[in-house]
Amino acid sequence: MFRQEMSYGRDLVRQARLFPVVLVLAALAAMAAPALAAERNVAVFDFELIDSSLEGQMLGEDSAQTARLDKMAPTLREDIGALPDFAIVDTQPVEARAKKQNLQNCGNCAVTFAKDIGADIAVIGTVQKVSNLILNINAYAFDVGTGKQIARGSADIRSNTDESWQRGIDYLWKNVLKTQFESLK
């Protein structure tokens, strides 16, 4: 019996010596956990209009349509930013350079711009206007490290109104892009 009590005492001393080591390891593991689940930084660039209706050439810029176009990227930024593990990067530092380009046809310049501002993902988009009745909203996401497309989607809308554009971008996010972004984690 006495021997068993001595053995227990030695074990207790050994465990007491290991406690600080275990405590430090636990603290390091807790600090490493956020790094393992690091946020992916996303740069969402302003959407561009592709007007194949010729209306713009004949009548000039439509201010209401421009205002709708200007709402596309902020809406998508808000949606992506609401997902866990994604953070939105401000594109303002490269905005002037991006506006000088056609981001759809510039040889992945959006990826370069996104890299310059510390993003992991570059998102570009267009609204193609065939007529006042037929429009199409498109968005594409690229991995900045590889330049490869990692998400894409399209939504056809009918009618050139605030409501139809908002419904279109909402549909594109909820029914197409969201699941693609969630699978990137």
Protein backbone atom coordinates (compact mmCIF):
# COMPACT_ATOMS: atom_id res chain seq x y z
CA MET A 1 0.00 0.00 0.00
CA PHE A 2 2.77 2.42 0.93
CA ARG A 3 4.55 1.62 -2.34
CA GLN A 4 1.41 2.37 -4.34
CA GLU A 5 1.07 5.77 -2.62
CA MET A 6 4.72 6.64 -3.40
CA SER A 7 4.17 5.71 -7.03
CA TYR A 8 1.13 7.95 -7.13
CA GLY A 9 3.19 10.81 -5.64
CA ARG A 10 5.90 10.44 -8.29
CA ASP A 11 3.28 10.43 -11.02
CA LEU A 12 1.77 13.58 -9.60
CA VAL A 13 5.18 15.33 -9.60
CA ARG A 14 5.81 14.19 -13.20
CA GLN A 15 2.38 15.44 -14.27
CA ALA A 16 3.00 18.77 -12.54
CA ARG A 17 6.24 19.19 -14.53
CA LEU A 18 4.44 18.48 -17.81
CA PHE A 19 1.56 20.85 -17.12
CA PRO A 20 3.40 24.03 -18.26
CA VAL A 21 4.52 22.27 -21.44
CA VAL A 22 0.97 21.12 -22.18
CA LEU A 23 -0.32 24.61 -21.43
CA VAL A 24 2.16 26.22 -23.85
CA LEU A 25 1.32 23.67 -26.57
CA ALA A 26 -2.39 24.31 -26.11
CA ALA A 27 -1.83 28.08 -26.37
CA LEU A 28 0.22 27.65 -29.57
CA ALA A 29 -2.48 25.42 -31.06
CA ALA A 30 -5.13 28.02 -30.25
CA MET A 31 -3.08 30.74 -31.94
CA ALA A 32 -2.45 28.55 -35.01
CA ALA A 33 -6.15 27.72 -35.50
CA PRO A 34 -7.03 31.12 -37.02
CA ALA A 35 -4.06 30.84 -39.37
CA LEU A 36 -5.33 27.49 -40.59
CA ALA A 37 -8.75 29.01 -41.27
CA ALA A 38 -7.34 32.20 -42.77
CA GLU A 39 -9.64 34.50 -44.64
CA ARG A 40 -9.38 34.66 -48.41
CA ASN A 41 -9.07 38.27 -49.52
CA VAL A 42 -11.36 39.11 -52.45
CA ALA A 43 -11.11 42.08 -54.82
CA VAL A 44 -14.43 42.74 -56.58
CA PHE A 45 -13.90 45.14 -59.46
CA ASP A 46 -16.58 47.43 -60.88
CA PHE A 47 -18.81 45.81 -63.47
CA GLU A 48 -18.53 46.87 -67.10
CA LEU A 49 -21.31 47.43 -69.62
CA ILE A 50 -21.23 45.68 -72.99
CA ASP A 51 -23.90 47.50 -75.00
CA SER A 52 -24.54 45.58 -78.19
CA SER A 53 -27.97 47.23 -78.56
CA LEU A 54 -26.48 50.29 -80.27
CA GLU A 55 -28.84 52.38 -78.14
CA GLY A 56 -25.90 53.92 -76.30
CA GLN A 57 -24.26 54.97 -79.55
CA MET A 58 -27.47 56.52 -80.83
CA LEU A 59 -28.80 58.17 -77.65
CA GLY A 60 -25.69 58.56 -75.50
CA GLU A 61 -25.17 57.45 -71.92
CA ASP A 62 -28.23 56.53 -69.89
CA SER A 63 -27.65 57.88 -66.36
CA ALA A 64 -30.20 55.49 -64.79
CA GLN A 65 -28.49 52.53 -66.44
CA THR A 66 -25.06 53.77 -65.28
CA ALA A 67 -26.40 54.04 -61.72
CA ARG A 68 -27.65 50.43 -61.94
CA LEU A 69 -24.27 49.28 -63.23
CA ASP A 70 -22.53 51.09 -60.36
CA LYS A 71 -24.59 49.04 -57.84
CA MET A 72 -23.51 45.61 -59.15
CA ALA A 73 -20.02 45.38 -57.61
CA PRO A 74 -21.01 46.80 -54.19
CA THR A 75 -23.87 44.30 -53.98
CA LEU A 76 -21.55 41.42 -54.78
CA ARG A 77 -18.92 42.74 -52.33
CA GLU A 78 -21.52 42.75 -49.58
CA ASP A 79 -22.66 39.21 -50.42
CA ILE A 80 -19.14 37.76 -50.58
CA GLY A 81 -18.05 39.66 -47.47
CA ALA A 82 -20.95 38.16 -45.51
CA LEU A 83 -19.55 34.65 -46.03
CA PRO A 84 -17.29 33.31 -43.28
CA ASP A 85 -13.61 33.09 -44.26
CA PHE A 86 -13.85 35.79 -46.96
CA ALA A 87 -12.78 39.41 -46.61
CA ILE A 88 -13.26 42.16 -49.17
CA VAL A 89 -10.20 44.14 -50.26
CA ASP A 90 -10.62 47.80 -51.25
CA THR A 91 -9.98 48.14 -55.01
CA GLN A 92 -9.61 51.93 -54.84
CA PRO A 93 -5.77 51.87 -55.00
CA VAL A 94 -5.93 50.26 -58.48
CA GLU A 95 -9.28 51.69 -59.60
CA ALA A 96 -7.84 54.20 -62.08
CA ARG A 97 -5.73 51.53 -63.80
CA ALA A 98 -8.66 49.08 -63.85
CA LYS A 99 -11.03 51.62 -65.40
CA LYS A 100 -8.59 52.15 -68.29
CA GLN A 101 -8.84 48.45 -69.18
CA ASN A 102 -11.52 46.16 -70.49
CA LEU A 103 -11.14 43.65 -67.66
CA GLN A 104 -12.80 40.95 -69.75
CA ASN A 105 -10.15 41.11 -72.49
CA CYS A 106 -6.93 42.41 -71.01
CA GLY A 107 -5.06 39.15 -70.45
CA ASN A 108 -5.95 38.69 -66.77
CA CYS A 109 -4.96 42.23 -65.81
CA ALA A 110 -7.59 42.06 -63.03
CA VAL A 111 -5.53 39.27 -61.46
CA THR A 112 -2.47 41.53 -61.55
CA PHE A 113 -4.42 44.43 -60.04
CA ALA A 114 -5.82 42.13 -57.33
CA LYS A 115 -2.34 40.86 -56.52
CA ASP A 116 -1.11 44.46 -56.19
CA ILE A 117 -3.67 45.11 -53.43
CA GLY A 118 -3.12 41.83 -51.57
CA ALA A 119 -6.15 39.87 -52.77
CA ASP A 120 -6.28 36.09 -53.19
CA ILE A 121 -9.30 36.20 -55.52
CA ALA A 122 -10.19 38.67 -58.29
CA VAL A 123 -13.84 39.07 -59.31
CA ILE A 124 -14.89 40.84 -62.49
CA GLY A 125 -18.31 41.27 -64.04
CA THR A 126 -20.24 42.58 -66.99
CA VAL A 127 -23.77 43.45 -67.90
CA GLN A 128 -24.41 42.74 -71.56
CA LYS A 129 -27.26 44.72 -73.02
CA VAL A 130 -28.79 43.22 -76.13
CA SER A 131 -31.82 45.51 -75.94
CA ASN A 132 -33.93 47.23 -73.29
CA LEU A 133 -35.72 43.93 -72.95
CA ILE A 134 -32.82 41.45 -72.94
CA LEU A 135 -29.82 41.84 -70.63
CA ASN A 136 -27.34 39.42 -69.11
CA ILE A 137 -25.33 39.78 -65.87
CA ASN A 138 -22.05 37.84 -65.75
CA ALA A 139 -19.44 37.43 -63.01
CA TYR A 140 -16.12 35.59 -62.97
CA ALA A 141 -13.73 34.85 -60.10
CA PHE A 142 -10.05 34.04 -60.57
CA ASP A 143 -7.44 32.62 -58.21
CA VAL A 144 -4.73 35.28 -58.03
CA GLY A 145 -1.96 32.73 -57.46
CA THR A 146 -2.73 30.65 -60.54
CA GLY A 147 -4.82 32.98 -62.71
CA LYS A 148 -7.32 30.17 -63.18
CA GLN A 149 -11.05 30.75 -63.12
CA ILE A 150 -12.54 29.34 -59.89
CA ALA A 151 -16.14 30.55 -60.11
CA ARG A 152 -18.46 31.96 -62.73
CA GLY A 153 -22.08 32.65 -63.30
CA SER A 154 -24.62 34.29 -65.51
CA ALA A 155 -28.18 35.54 -65.06
CA ASP A 156 -30.49 36.62 -67.86
CA ILE A 157 -32.84 39.45 -67.01
CA ARG A 158 -35.78 40.95 -68.83
CA SER A 159 -36.37 44.69 -68.71
CA ASN A 160 -33.89 47.47 -68.13
CA THR A 161 -35.15 48.59 -64.70
CA ASP A 162 -33.71 48.97 -61.21
CA GLU A 163 -35.84 46.07 -60.00
CA SER A 164 -34.79 43.65 -62.75
CA TRP A 165 -31.08 44.41 -62.32
CA GLN A 166 -31.34 43.94 -58.54
CA ARG A 167 -33.22 40.68 -58.94
CA GLY A 168 -30.64 39.55 -61.48
CA ILE A 169 -27.59 40.14 -59.26
CA ASP A 170 -29.42 38.63 -56.28
CA TYR A 171 -30.29 35.52 -58.31
CA LEU A 172 -26.74 35.25 -59.63
CA TRP A 173 -25.36 35.31 -56.09
CA LYS A 174 -27.90 33.11 -54.30
CA ASN A 175 -28.37 30.46 -56.98
CA VAL A 176 -25.01 30.30 -58.74
CA LEU A 177 -21.98 32.03 -57.21
CA LYS A 178 -22.60 31.50 -53.49
CA THR A 179 -22.23 27.72 -53.62
CA GLN A 180 -19.10 28.07 -55.75
CA PHE A 181 -17.53 30.44 -53.20
CA GLU A 182 -18.55 28.21 -50.29
CA SER A 183 -16.78 25.28 -51.94
CA LEU A 184 -13.51 27.28 -52.07
CA LYS A 185 -12.97 27.07 -48.30
